[in-house]
């Protein structure tokens, strides 16, 4: 029989001002949580929001339609684009 493994935890430390610590302590107490639990879950939530903002592109309906239109009906290459493609082929084929 396989025993269930306990999750492993890692330590994370931060230096805060007395005012910050009191603010965090007060907020944690209001939610009935420990300072550690409050800090860990708050940091995790903030990290997820930063990642979401950085990795997910959100378009308005108008911008989404313009994007789809450009993908489905791309404009013909102009001279600058043809020159750039030629330079790229030369660099890649080296």
Protein backbone atom coordinates (compact mmCIF):
# COMPACT_ATOMS: atom_id res chain seq x y z
CA UNK A 1 0.00 0.00 0.00
CA UNK A 2 1.34 3.42 -0.97
CA UNK A 3 1.36 6.07 1.75
CA UNK A 4 0.07 9.52 0.78
CA UNK A 5 2.84 12.04 0.46
CA UNK A 6 2.63 15.32 2.27
CA UNK A 7 3.05 18.33 0.00
CA UNK A 8 6.48 19.91 0.16
CA UNK A 9 6.72 23.55 1.04
CA UNK A 10 9.48 26.04 0.41
CA UNK A 11 10.35 29.03 2.50
CA UNK A 12 9.83 32.56 1.19
CA UNK A 13 11.04 35.53 3.19
CA UNK A 14 10.37 39.23 2.88
CA UNK A 15 11.43 42.27 4.80
CA UNK A 16 8.62 44.75 5.42
CA UNK A 17 8.27 47.96 7.35
CA UNK A 18 6.45 47.90 10.70
CA UNK A 19 3.55 49.71 9.03
CA UNK A 20 3.32 47.11 6.27
CA UNK A 21 3.45 44.27 8.78
CA UNK A 22 0.66 45.80 10.85
CA UNK A 23 -1.46 46.33 7.74
CA UNK A 24 -0.92 42.72 6.65
CA UNK A 25 -1.58 41.42 10.18
CA UNK A 26 -4.81 43.41 10.35
CA UNK A 27 -6.03 42.19 6.95
CA UNK A 28 -5.17 38.57 7.79
CA UNK A 29 -7.03 38.85 11.10
CA UNK A 30 -10.10 40.27 9.36
CA UNK A 31 -10.17 37.18 7.15
CA UNK A 32 -9.46 34.80 10.02
CA UNK A 33 -6.19 33.67 8.48
CA UNK A 34 -2.58 33.54 9.56
CA UNK A 35 -0.16 36.14 8.25
CA UNK A 36 1.68 33.37 6.38
CA UNK A 37 -1.49 32.10 4.72
CA UNK A 38 -2.63 35.62 3.89
CA UNK A 39 0.74 36.59 2.37
CA UNK A 40 1.13 33.37 0.40
CA UNK A 41 -2.37 33.48 -1.10
CA UNK A 42 -2.16 37.23 -1.79
CA UNK A 43 1.21 36.86 -3.51
CA UNK A 44 -0.08 33.91 -5.54
CA UNK A 45 -3.14 35.87 -6.65
CA UNK A 46 -1.00 38.87 -7.61
CA UNK A 47 1.41 36.62 -9.53
CA UNK A 48 -1.43 35.01 -11.48
CA UNK A 49 -2.82 38.45 -12.38
CA UNK A 50 0.58 39.68 -13.59
CA UNK A 51 1.07 36.56 -15.70
CA UNK A 52 -2.47 36.82 -17.09
CA UNK A 53 -1.91 40.46 -18.02
CA UNK A 54 1.45 39.70 -19.60
CA UNK A 55 0.55 36.54 -21.51
CA UNK A 56 -3.06 36.98 -22.57
CA UNK A 57 -3.98 39.39 -25.32
CA UNK A 58 -7.47 40.81 -24.94
CA UNK A 59 -9.07 42.43 -27.95
CA UNK A 60 -12.22 44.45 -28.29
CA UNK A 61 -14.82 43.01 -30.66
CA UNK A 62 -13.78 45.58 -33.29
CA UNK A 63 -10.08 44.74 -32.96
CA UNK A 64 -10.83 41.01 -33.08
CA UNK A 65 -12.78 41.46 -36.33
CA UNK A 66 -9.92 43.51 -37.82
CA UNK A 67 -7.41 40.82 -36.80
CA UNK A 68 -9.49 38.02 -38.32
CA UNK A 69 -9.97 40.04 -41.49
CA UNK A 70 -6.21 40.62 -41.80
CA UNK A 71 -5.48 36.92 -41.25
CA UNK A 72 -8.13 35.73 -43.69
CA UNK A 73 -7.45 38.42 -46.31
CA UNK A 74 -3.84 39.58 -45.89
CA UNK A 75 -2.72 42.56 -47.96
CA UNK A 76 -0.36 41.91 -50.86
CA UNK A 77 3.33 42.27 -49.93
CA UNK A 78 4.70 45.74 -50.68
CA UNK A 79 8.28 46.50 -51.73
CA UNK A 80 9.55 46.93 -48.16
CA UNK A 81 8.13 43.55 -47.12
CA UNK A 82 9.60 41.82 -50.19
CA UNK A 83 13.02 43.35 -49.41
CA UNK A 84 12.78 42.23 -45.78
CA UNK A 85 11.85 38.67 -46.84
CA UNK A 86 14.82 38.62 -49.23
CA UNK A 87 17.21 39.75 -46.45
CA UNK A 88 15.75 37.13 -44.13
CA UNK A 89 16.28 34.33 -46.69
CA UNK A 90 19.89 35.45 -47.12
CA UNK A 91 20.53 35.47 -43.37
CA UNK A 92 18.82 32.14 -42.73
CA UNK A 93 20.52 30.32 -45.61
CA UNK A 94 24.00 31.11 -44.27
